[in-house]
PDB file of N, CA and C in Angstrom:
ATOM      1  N   MET A   1      23.046  35.996  -3.766  1.00  0.00           N
ATOM      2  CA  MET A   1      21.808  35.390  -4.231  1.00  0.00           C
ATOM      3  C   MET A   1      21.535  35.860  -5.659  1.00  0.00           C
ATOM      4  N   ALA A   2      21.176  34.941  -6.547  1.00  0.00           N
ATOM      5  CA  ALA A   2      20.831  35.311  -7.921  1.00  0.00           C
ATOM      6  C   ALA A   2      19.688  36.313  -7.880  1.00  0.00           C
ATOM      7  N   LYS A   3      19.827  37.397  -8.594  1.00  0.00           N
ATOM      8  CA  LYS A   3      18.859  38.477  -8.441  1.00  0.00           C
ATOM      9  C   LYS A   3      17.770  38.488  -9.501  1.00  0.00           C
ATOM     10  N   ASP A   4      18.074  38.184 -10.726  1.00  0.00           N
ATOM     11  CA  ASP A   4      17.053  38.195 -11.758  1.00  0.00           C
ATOM     12  C   ASP A   4      16.382  36.827 -11.850  1.00  0.00           C
ATOM     13  N   ASN A   5      15.133  36.837 -12.244  1.00  0.00           N
ATOM     14  CA  ASN A   5      14.316  35.634 -12.380  1.00  0.00           C
ATOM     15  C   ASN A   5      14.056  34.927 -11.055  1.00  0.00           C
ATOM     16  N   MET A   6      14.165  35.659  -9.961  1.00  0.00           N
ATOM     17  CA  MET A   6      13.820  35.076  -8.667  1.00  0.00           C
ATOM     18  C   MET A   6      12.308  34.992  -8.558  1.00  0.00           C
ATOM     19  N   SER A   7      11.839  34.011  -7.817  1.00  0.00           N
ATOM     20  CA  SER A   7      10.396  33.897  -7.597  1.00  0.00           C
ATOM     21  C   SER A   7      10.064  34.448  -6.216  1.00  0.00           C
ATOM     22  N   PHE A   8       8.989  35.244  -6.171  1.00  0.00           N
ATOM     23  CA  PHE A   8       8.559  35.904  -4.949  1.00  0.00           C
ATOM     24  C   PHE A   8       7.132  35.495  -4.619  1.00  0.00           C
ATOM     25  N   MET A   9       6.857  35.356  -3.340  1.00  0.00           N
ATOM     26  CA  MET A   9       5.495  35.120  -2.884  1.00  0.00           C
ATOM     27  C   MET A   9       5.208  36.104  -1.760  1.00  0.00           C
ATOM     28  N   VAL A  10       4.049  36.752  -1.835  1.00  0.00           N
ATOM     29  CA  VAL A  10       3.612  37.647  -0.764  1.00  0.00           C
ATOM     30  C   VAL A  10       2.345  37.064  -0.143  1.00  0.00           C
ATOM     31  N   CYS A  11       2.285  37.094   1.175  1.00  0.00           N
ATOM     32  CA  CYS A  11       1.170  36.474   1.904  1.00  0.00           C
ATOM     33  C   CYS A  11       0.518  37.451   2.859  1.00  0.00           C
ATOM     34  N   CYS A  12      -0.794  37.325   2.969  1.00  0.00           N
ATOM     35  CA  CYS A  12      -1.539  38.021   4.009  1.00  0.00           C
ATOM     36  C   CYS A  12      -2.538  37.030   4.594  1.00  0.00           C
ATOM     37  N   ALA A  13      -3.254  37.440   5.590  1.00  0.00           N
ATOM     38  CA  ALA A  13      -4.146  36.521   6.299  1.00  0.00           C
ATOM     39  C   ALA A  13      -5.139  35.819   5.376  1.00  0.00           C
ATOM     40  N   ASN A  14      -5.804  36.569   4.495  1.00  0.00           N
ATOM     41  CA  ASN A  14      -6.839  35.977   3.650  1.00  0.00           C
ATOM     42  C   ASN A  14      -6.460  35.835   2.176  1.00  0.00           C
ATOM     43  N   GLY A  15      -5.379  36.458   1.759  1.00  0.00           N
ATOM     44  CA  GLY A  15      -4.935  36.328   0.373  1.00  0.00           C
ATOM     45  C   GLY A  15      -5.711  37.176  -0.613  1.00  0.00           C
ATOM     46  N   ALA A  16      -6.408  38.175  -0.125  1.00  0.00           N
ATOM     47  CA  ALA A  16      -7.222  38.998  -1.016  1.00  0.00           C
ATOM     48  C   ALA A  16      -6.633  40.403  -1.144  1.00  0.00           C
ATOM     49  N   GLY A  17      -7.109  41.325  -0.351  1.00  0.00           N
ATOM     50  CA  GLY A  17      -6.728  42.732  -0.502  1.00  0.00           C
ATOM     51  C   GLY A  17      -5.300  43.064  -0.149  1.00  0.00           C
ATOM     52  N   SER A  18      -4.888  42.728   1.051  1.00  0.00           N
ATOM     53  CA  SER A  18      -3.553  43.132   1.508  1.00  0.00           C
ATOM     54  C   SER A  18      -2.444  42.518   0.677  1.00  0.00           C
ATOM     55  N   SER A  19      -2.569  41.236   0.348  1.00  0.00           N
ATOM     56  CA  SER A  19      -1.495  40.607  -0.421  1.00  0.00           C
ATOM     57  C   SER A  19      -1.437  41.164  -1.839  1.00  0.00           C
ATOM     58  N   LEU A  20      -2.570  41.525  -2.408  1.00  0.00           N
ATOM     59  CA  LEU A  20      -2.556  42.127  -3.745  1.00  0.00           C
ATOM     60  C   LEU A  20      -1.877  43.496  -3.704  1.00  0.00           C
ATOM     61  N   MET A  21      -2.178  44.284  -2.672  1.00  0.00           N
ATOM     62  CA  MET A  21      -1.515  45.587  -2.537  1.00  0.00           C
ATOM     63  C   MET A  21      -0.022  45.409  -2.261  1.00  0.00           C
ATOM     64  N   MET A  22       0.318  44.396  -1.453  1.00  0.00           N
ATOM     65  CA  MET A  22       1.725  44.121  -1.172  1.00  0.00           C
ATOM     66  C   MET A  22       2.437  43.681  -2.451  1.00  0.00           C
ATOM     67  N   LYS A  23       1.763  42.912  -3.288  1.00  0.00           N
ATOM     68  CA  LYS A  23       2.343  42.492  -4.565  1.00  0.00           C
ATOM     69  C   LYS A  23       2.644  43.714  -5.434  1.00  0.00           C
ATOM     70  N   MET A  24       1.710  44.657  -5.492  1.00  0.00           N
ATOM     71  CA  MET A  24       1.941  45.866  -6.292  1.00  0.00           C
ATOM     72  C   MET A  24       3.091  46.690  -5.726  1.00  0.00           C
ATOM     73  N   THR A  25       3.185  46.765  -4.400  1.00  0.00           N
ATOM     74  CA  THR A  25       4.304  47.475  -3.770  1.00  0.00           C
ATOM     75  C   THR A  25       5.618  46.762  -4.087  1.00  0.00           C
ATOM     76  N   LEU A  26       5.605  45.429  -4.044  1.00  0.00           N
ATOM     77  CA  LEU A  26       6.809  44.662  -4.364  1.00  0.00           C
ATOM     78  C   LEU A  26       7.235  44.907  -5.808  1.00  0.00           C
ATOM     79  N   GLU A  27       6.280  44.920  -6.738  1.00  0.00           N
ATOM     80  CA  GLU A  27       6.619  45.168  -8.149  1.00  0.00           C
ATOM     81  C   GLU A  27       7.302  46.519  -8.314  1.00  0.00           C
ATOM     82  N   LYS A  28       6.785  47.549  -7.661  1.00  0.00           N
ATOM     83  CA  LYS A  28       7.398  48.886  -7.727  1.00  0.00           C
ATOM     84  C   LYS A  28       8.786  48.881  -7.089  1.00  0.00           C
ATOM     85  N   THR A  29       8.904  48.204  -5.953  1.00  0.00           N
ATOM     86  CA  THR A  29      10.178  48.148  -5.236  1.00  0.00           C
ATOM     87  C   THR A  29      11.235  47.429  -6.065  1.00  0.00           C
ATOM     88  N   LEU A  30      10.873  46.297  -6.663  1.00  0.00           N
ATOM     89  CA  LEU A  30      11.825  45.555  -7.490  1.00  0.00           C
ATOM     90  C   LEU A  30      12.257  46.373  -8.700  1.00  0.00           C
ATOM     91  N   LYS A  31      11.321  47.103  -9.297  1.00  0.00           N
ATOM     92  CA  LYS A  31      11.662  47.957 -10.436  1.00  0.00           C
ATOM     93  C   LYS A  31      12.655  49.024 -10.001  1.00  0.00           C
ATOM     94  N   LYS A  32      12.401  49.637  -8.842  1.00  0.00           N
ATOM     95  CA  LYS A  32      13.307  50.658  -8.311  1.00  0.00           C
ATOM     96  C   LYS A  32      14.686  50.065  -8.024  1.00  0.00           C
ATOM     97  N   MET A  33      14.705  48.804  -7.537  1.00  0.00           N
ATOM     98  CA  MET A  33      15.965  48.136  -7.207  1.00  0.00           C
ATOM     99  C   MET A  33      16.636  47.529  -8.445  1.00  0.00           C
ATOM    100  N   ASN A  34      15.982  47.656  -9.599  1.00  0.00           N
ATOM    101  CA  ASN A  34      16.490  47.125 -10.871  1.00  0.00           C
ATOM    102  C   ASN A  34      16.628  45.602 -10.830  1.00  0.00           C
ATOM    103  N   ILE A  35      15.614  44.943 -10.264  1.00  0.00           N
ATOM    104  CA  ILE A  35      15.564  43.485 -10.203  1.00  0.00           C
ATOM    105  C   ILE A  35      14.374  43.025 -11.034  1.00  0.00           C
ATOM    106  N   LYS A  36      14.618  42.104 -11.948  1.00  0.00           N
ATOM    107  CA  LYS A  36      13.548  41.566 -12.787  1.00  0.00           C
ATOM    108  C   LYS A  36      13.106  40.220 -12.216  1.00  0.00           C
ATOM    109  N   PRO A  37      11.907  40.178 -11.618  1.00  0.00           N
ATOM    110  CA  PRO A  37      11.447  38.923 -11.012  1.00  0.00           C
ATOM    111  C   PRO A  37      11.007  37.912 -12.059  1.00  0.00           C
ATOM    112  N   GLY A  38      11.172  36.638 -11.746  1.00  0.00           N
ATOM    113  CA  GLY A  38      10.667  35.600 -12.621  1.00  0.00           C
ATOM    114  C   GLY A  38       9.179  35.395 -12.405  1.00  0.00           C
ATOM    115  N   LYS A  39       8.768  35.462 -11.151  1.00  0.00           N
ATOM    116  CA  LYS A  39       7.374  35.211 -10.798  1.00  0.00           C
ATOM    117  C   LYS A  39       7.069  35.912  -9.481  1.00  0.00           C
ATOM    118  N   ILE A  40       5.865  36.511  -9.411  1.00  0.00           N
ATOM    119  CA  ILE A  40       5.377  37.080  -8.157  1.00  0.00           C
ATOM    120  C   ILE A  40       3.975  36.524  -7.938  1.00  0.00           C
ATOM    121  N   HIS A  41       3.776  35.894  -6.807  1.00  0.00           N
ATOM    122  CA  HIS A  41       2.494  35.275  -6.492  1.00  0.00           C
ATOM    123  C   HIS A  41       1.989  35.830  -5.167  1.00  0.00           C
ATOM    124  N   HIS A  42       0.696  36.123  -5.087  1.00  0.00           N
ATOM    125  CA  HIS A  42       0.129  36.549  -3.804  1.00  0.00           C
ATOM    126  C   HIS A  42      -0.922  35.536  -3.369  1.00  0.00           C
ATOM    127  N   CYS A  43      -0.996  35.308  -2.066  1.00  0.00           N
ATOM    128  CA  CYS A  43      -1.898  34.281  -1.568  1.00  0.00           C
ATOM    129  C   CYS A  43      -2.173  34.467  -0.078  1.00  0.00           C
ATOM    130  N   ALA A  44      -3.057  33.604   0.419  1.00  0.00           N
ATOM    131  CA  ALA A  44      -3.370  33.574   1.854  1.00  0.00           C
ATOM    132  C   ALA A  44      -2.274  32.821   2.591  1.00  0.00           C
ATOM    133  N   LEU A  45      -2.173  33.056   3.883  1.00  0.00           N
ATOM    134  CA  LEU A  45      -1.177  32.371   4.701  1.00  0.00           C
ATOM    135  C   LEU A  45      -1.321  30.858   4.636  1.00  0.00           C
ATOM    136  N   SER A  46      -2.548  30.372   4.566  1.00  0.00           N
ATOM    137  CA  SER A  46      -2.750  28.920   4.532  1.00  0.00           C
ATOM    138  C   SER A  46      -2.083  28.291   3.315  1.00  0.00           C
ATOM    139  N   GLU A  47      -2.214  28.925   2.147  1.00  0.00           N
ATOM    140  CA  GLU A  47      -1.534  28.430   0.940  1.00  0.00           C
ATOM    141  C   GLU A  47      -0.045  28.705   1.025  1.00  0.00           C
ATOM    142  N   GLY A  48       0.294  29.895   1.492  1.00  0.00           N
ATOM    143  CA  GLY A  48       1.693  30.305   1.544  1.00  0.00           C
ATOM    144  C   GLY A  48       2.554  29.414   2.408  1.00  0.00           C
ATOM    145  N   LYS A  49       2.008  28.983   3.526  1.00  0.00           N
ATOM    146  CA  LYS A  49       2.771  28.143   4.446  1.00  0.00           C
ATOM    147  C   LYS A  49       3.200  26.841   3.767  1.00  0.00           C
ATOM    148  N   SER A  50       2.321  26.246   2.986  1.00  0.00           N
ATOM    149  CA  SER A  50       2.650  24.977   2.337  1.00  0.00           C
ATOM    150  C   SER A  50       3.465  25.163   1.056  1.00  0.00           C
ATOM    151  N   ALA A  51       3.336  26.316   0.398  1.00  0.00           N
ATOM    152  CA  ALA A  51       4.020  26.525  -0.881  1.00  0.00           C
ATOM    153  C   ALA A  51       5.312  27.326  -0.764  1.00  0.00           C
ATOM    154  N   ALA A  52       5.617  27.866   0.399  1.00  0.00           N
ATOM    155  CA  ALA A  52       6.732  28.806   0.561  1.00  0.00           C
ATOM    156  C   ALA A  52       8.068  28.268   0.074  1.00  0.00           C
ATOM    157  N   SER A  53       8.343  26.992   0.295  1.00  0.00           N
ATOM    158  CA  SER A  53       9.653  26.449  -0.075  1.00  0.00           C
ATOM    159  C   SER A  53       9.843  26.362  -1.588  1.00  0.00           C
ATOM    160  N   GLN A  54       8.794  26.597  -2.360  1.00  0.00           N
ATOM    161  CA  GLN A  54       8.888  26.593  -3.824  1.00  0.00           C
ATOM    162  C   GLN A  54       9.319  27.956  -4.373  1.00  0.00           C
ATOM    163  N   TYR A  55       9.491  28.926  -3.486  1.00  0.00           N
ATOM    164  CA  TYR A  55       9.839  30.289  -3.885  1.00  0.00           C
ATOM    165  C   TYR A  55      11.201  30.674  -3.318  1.00  0.00           C
ATOM    166  N   ASP A  56      11.850  31.617  -3.998  1.00  0.00           N
ATOM    167  CA  ASP A  56      13.139  32.121  -3.525  1.00  0.00           C
ATOM    168  C   ASP A  56      12.955  33.059  -2.332  1.00  0.00           C
ATOM    169  N   VAL A  57      11.901  33.899  -2.404  1.00  0.00           N
ATOM    170  CA  VAL A  57      11.669  34.913  -1.374  1.00  0.00           C
ATOM    171  C   VAL A  57      10.186  34.940  -1.014  1.00  0.00           C
ATOM    172  N   VAL A  58       9.914  34.997   0.287  1.00  0.00           N
ATOM    173  CA  VAL A  58       8.545  35.159   0.788  1.00  0.00           C
ATOM    174  C   VAL A  58       8.501  36.445   1.592  1.00  0.00           C
ATOM    175  N   LEU A  59       7.502  37.269   1.321  1.00  0.00           N
ATOM    176  CA  LEU A  59       7.290  38.485   2.104  1.00  0.00           C
ATOM    177  C   LEU A  59       5.951  38.378   2.814  1.00  0.00           C
ATOM    178  N   CYS A  60       5.937  38.784   4.086  1.00  0.00           N
ATOM    179  CA  CYS A  60       4.710  38.728   4.874  1.00  0.00           C
ATOM    180  C   CYS A  60       4.804  39.757   5.995  1.00  0.00           C
ATOM    181  N   ALA A  61       3.699  39.942   6.708  1.00  0.00           N
ATOM    182  CA  ALA A  61       3.718  40.803   7.888  1.00  0.00           C
ATOM    183  C   ALA A  61       4.624  40.169   8.935  1.00  0.00           C
ATOM    184  N   GLN A  62       5.307  40.996   9.673  1.00  0.00           N
ATOM    185  CA  GLN A  62       6.303  40.526  10.640  1.00  0.00           C
ATOM    186  C   GLN A  62       5.723  39.526  11.644  1.00  0.00           C
ATOM    187  N   ASN A  63       4.457  39.697  12.021  1.00  0.00           N
ATOM    188  CA  ASN A  63       3.875  38.800  13.015  1.00  0.00           C
ATOM    189  C   ASN A  63       3.581  37.400  12.477  1.00  0.00           C
ATOM    190  N   PHE A  64       3.778  37.169  11.172  1.00  0.00           N
ATOM    191  CA  PHE A  64       3.564  35.843  10.582  1.00  0.00           C
ATOM    192  C   PHE A  64       4.875  35.123  10.259  1.00  0.00           C
ATOM    193  N   LEU A  65       6.005  35.729  10.599  1.00  0.00           N
ATOM    194  CA  LEU A  65       7.313  35.154  10.253  1.00  0.00           C
ATOM    195  C   LEU A  65       7.480  33.712  10.713  1.00  0.00           C
ATOM    196  N   ASN A  66       7.032  33.426  11.925  1.00  0.00           N
ATOM    197  CA  ASN A  66       7.255  32.087  12.483  1.00  0.00           C
ATOM    198  C   ASN A  66       6.563  30.991  11.674  1.00  0.00           C
ATOM    199  N   MET A  67       5.566  31.346  10.875  1.00  0.00           N
ATOM    200  CA  MET A  67       4.859  30.354  10.062  1.00  0.00           C
ATOM    201  C   MET A  67       5.726  29.806   8.927  1.00  0.00           C
ATOM    202  N   PHE A  68       6.821  30.489   8.620  1.00  0.00           N
ATOM    203  CA  PHE A  68       7.652  30.106   7.485  1.00  0.00           C
ATOM    204  C   PHE A  68       9.012  29.548   7.899  1.00  0.00           C
ATOM    205  N   ALA A  69       9.121  29.075   9.123  1.00  0.00           N
ATOM    206  CA  ALA A  69      10.385  28.528   9.627  1.00  0.00           C
ATOM    207  C   ALA A  69      10.848  27.328   8.796  1.00  0.00           C
ATOM    208  N   ASP A  70       9.932  26.449   8.411  1.00  0.00           N
ATOM    209  CA  ASP A  70      10.307  25.285   7.606  1.00  0.00           C
ATOM    210  C   ASP A  70      10.863  25.694   6.251  1.00  0.00           C
ATOM    211  N   ALA A  71      10.242  26.674   5.609  1.00  0.00           N
ATOM    212  CA  ALA A  71      10.727  27.161   4.313  1.00  0.00           C
ATOM    213  C   ALA A  71      12.116  27.774   4.457  1.00  0.00           C
ATOM    214  N   GLN A  72      12.338  28.502   5.555  1.00  0.00           N
ATOM    215  CA  GLN A  72      13.658  29.095   5.790  1.00  0.00           C
ATOM    216  C   GLN A  72      14.716  28.008   5.910  1.00  0.00           C
ATOM    217  N   LYS A  73      14.390  26.925   6.593  1.00  0.00           N
ATOM    218  CA  LYS A  73      15.335  25.819   6.741  1.00  0.00           C
ATOM    219  C   LYS A  73      15.689  25.209   5.391  1.00  0.00           C
ATOM    220  N   LYS A  74      14.772  25.299   4.432  1.00  0.00           N
ATOM    221  CA  LYS A  74      14.994  24.737   3.090  1.00  0.00           C
ATOM    222  C   LYS A  74      15.635  25.739   2.140  1.00  0.00           C
ATOM    223  N   GLY A  75      15.961  26.934   2.643  1.00  0.00           N
ATOM    224  CA  GLY A  75      16.695  27.905   1.832  1.00  0.00           C
ATOM    225  C   GLY A  75      15.900  29.080   1.308  1.00  0.00           C
ATOM    226  N   THR A  76      14.624  29.157   1.603  1.00  0.00           N
ATOM    227  CA  THR A  76      13.820  30.303   1.178  1.00  0.00           C
ATOM    228  C   THR A  76      14.137  31.499   2.067  1.00  0.00           C
ATOM    229  N   THR A  77      14.309  32.659   1.463  1.00  0.00           N
ATOM    230  CA  THR A  77      14.511  33.891   2.214  1.00  0.00           C
ATOM    231  C   THR A  77      13.142  34.423   2.615  1.00  0.00           C
ATOM    232  N   VAL A  78      12.922  34.630   3.898  1.00  0.00           N
ATOM    233  CA  VAL A  78      11.641  35.135   4.387  1.00  0.00           C
ATOM    234  C   VAL A  78      11.855  36.532   4.953  1.00  0.00           C
ATOM    235  N   VAL A  79      11.077  37.484   4.447  1.00  0.00           N
ATOM    236  CA  VAL A  79      11.205  38.879   4.842  1.00  0.00           C
ATOM    237  C   VAL A  79       9.926  39.303   5.547  1.00  0.00           C
ATOM    238  N   GLY A  80      10.065  39.725   6.796  1.00  0.00           N
ATOM    239  CA  GLY A  80       8.922  40.209   7.567  1.00  0.00           C
ATOM    240  C   GLY A  80       8.868  41.722   7.555  1.00  0.00           C
ATOM    241  N   LEU A  81       7.679  42.265   7.381  1.00  0.00           N
ATOM    242  CA  LEU A  81       7.502  43.710   7.275  1.00  0.00           C
ATOM    243  C   LEU A  81       6.561  44.230   8.351  1.00  0.00           C
ATOM    244  N   ARG A  82       6.901  45.369   8.916  1.00  0.00           N
ATOM    245  CA  ARG A  82       5.980  46.034   9.853  1.00  0.00           C
ATOM    246  C   ARG A  82       4.873  46.723   9.078  1.00  0.00           C
ATOM    247  N   ASN A  83       5.251  47.407   8.001  1.00  0.00           N
ATOM    248  CA  ASN A  83       4.289  48.119   7.154  1.00  0.00           C
ATOM    249  C   ASN A  83       4.364  47.500   5.763  1.00  0.00           C
ATOM    250  N   ILE A  84       3.414  46.650   5.440  1.00  0.00           N
ATOM    251  CA  ILE A  84       3.470  45.907   4.177  1.00  0.00           C
ATOM    252  C   ILE A  84       3.310  46.794   2.952  1.00  0.00           C
ATOM    253  N   MET A  85       2.932  48.050   3.149  1.00  0.00           N
ATOM    254  CA  MET A  85       2.750  48.970   2.031  1.00  0.00           C
ATOM    255  C   MET A  85       3.933  49.912   1.836  1.00  0.00           C
ATOM    256  N   SER A  86       4.950  49.800   2.663  1.00  0.00           N
ATOM    257  CA  SER A  86       6.082  50.717   2.612  1.00  0.00           C
ATOM    258  C   SER A  86       7.158  50.221   1.647  1.00  0.00           C
ATOM    259  N   MET A  87       7.324  50.938   0.536  1.00  0.00           N
ATOM    260  CA  MET A  87       8.394  50.594  -0.408  1.00  0.00           C
ATOM    261  C   MET A  87       9.752  50.725   0.262  1.00  0.00           C
ATOM    262  N   GLN A  88       9.903  51.761   1.081  1.00  0.00           N
ATOM    263  CA  GLN A  88      11.190  52.001   1.734  1.00  0.00           C
ATOM    264  C   GLN A  88      11.553  50.836   2.644  1.00  0.00           C
ATOM    265  N   GLU A  89      10.605  50.406   3.480  1.00  0.00           N
ATOM    266  CA  GLU A  89      10.889  49.294   4.383  1.00  0.00           C
ATOM    267  C   GLU A  89      11.144  48.014   3.600  1.00  0.00           C
ATOM    268  N   MET A  90      10.362  47.789   2.548  1.00  0.00           N
ATOM    269  CA  MET A  90      10.522  46.579   1.737  1.00  0.00           C
ATOM    270  C   MET A  90      11.918  46.542   1.121  1.00  0.00           C
ATOM    271  N   GLU A  91      12.347  47.668   0.567  1.00  0.00           N
ATOM    272  CA  GLU A  91      13.682  47.735  -0.032  1.00  0.00           C
ATOM    273  C   GLU A  91      14.761  47.512   1.022  1.00  0.00           C
ATOM    274  N   GLU A  92      14.627  48.163   2.175  1.00  0.00           N
ATOM    275  CA  GLU A  92      15.623  48.014   3.239  1.00  0.00           C
ATOM    276  C   GLU A  92      15.720  46.571   3.719  1.00  0.00           C
ATOM    277  N   LYS A  93      14.581  45.939   3.960  1.00  0.00           N
ATOM    278  CA  LYS A  93      14.578  44.569   4.480  1.00  0.00           C
ATOM    279  C   LYS A  93      15.110  43.582   3.435  1.00  0.00           C
ATOM    280  N   MET A  94      14.786  43.800   2.168  1.00  0.00           N
ATOM    281  CA  MET A  94      15.305  42.894   1.139  1.00  0.00           C
ATOM    282  C   MET A  94      16.808  43.071   0.971  1.00  0.00           C
ATOM    283  N   THR A  95      17.284  44.312   1.044  1.00  0.00           N
ATOM    284  CA  THR A  95      18.723  44.563   0.958  1.00  0.00           C
ATOM    285  C   THR A  95      19.449  43.910   2.136  1.00  0.00           C
ATOM    286  N   GLU A  96      18.868  44.034   3.338  1.00  0.00           N
ATOM    287  CA  GLU A  96      19.448  43.381   4.530  1.00  0.00           C
ATOM    288  C   GLU A  96      19.514  41.866   4.341  1.00  0.00           C
ATOM    289  N   ALA A  97      18.534  41.323   3.610  1.00  0.00           N
ATOM    290  CA  ALA A  97      18.481  39.877   3.381  1.00  0.00           C
ATOM    291  C   ALA A  97      19.391  39.440   2.221  1.00  0.00           C
ATOM    292  N   GLY A  98      20.096  40.408   1.617  1.00  0.00           N
ATOM    293  CA  GLY A  98      21.026  40.069   0.548  1.00  0.00           C
ATOM    294  C   GLY A  98      20.420  40.105  -0.840  1.00  0.00           C
ATOM    295  N   ILE A  99      19.247  40.676  -0.972  1.00  0.00           N
ATOM    296  CA  ILE A  99      18.584  40.768  -2.275  1.00  0.00           C
ATOM    297  C   ILE A  99      18.822  42.161  -2.831  1.00  0.00           C
ATOM    298  N   GLU A 100      19.637  42.239  -3.873  1.00  0.00           N
ATOM    299  CA  GLU A 100      19.921  43.521  -4.507  1.00  0.00           C
ATOM    300  C   GLU A 100      20.258  43.280  -5.966  1.00  0.00           C
ATOM    301  N   ALA A 101      20.260  44.360  -6.723  1.00  0.00           N
ATOM    302  CA  ALA A 101      20.502  44.245  -8.166  1.00  0.00           C
ATOM    303  C   ALA A 101      21.889  43.695  -8.452  1.00  0.00           C
ATOM    304  N   ASN A 102      22.005  43.014  -9.575  1.00  0.00           N
ATOM    305  CA  ASN A 102      23.298  42.447 -10.000  1.00  0.00           C
ATOM    306  C   ASN A 102      24.305  43.537 -10.250  1.00  0.00           C
TER     307      ASN A 102
END
């Protein structure tokens, strides 16, 4: 998977606090992984569900994974997290999904 200039979307239930914190965790994780994102967007699940296929990678809480099945069918990588604030888990799950530095 092309690693630089990838577009990322992070989703939480309301698109306010949790997704903003998850976005900041993602920015730190990508920097640690030496990946330069093209775009990082945070939003509520309602927006994320309809916009997910426009992004390369979607990150969300593990219990919301099934909401992004259509985007996965269209080629979007969807990463579910147990702890949305864990850099370690985020890095591990993205690496498992084939997202790593060039």
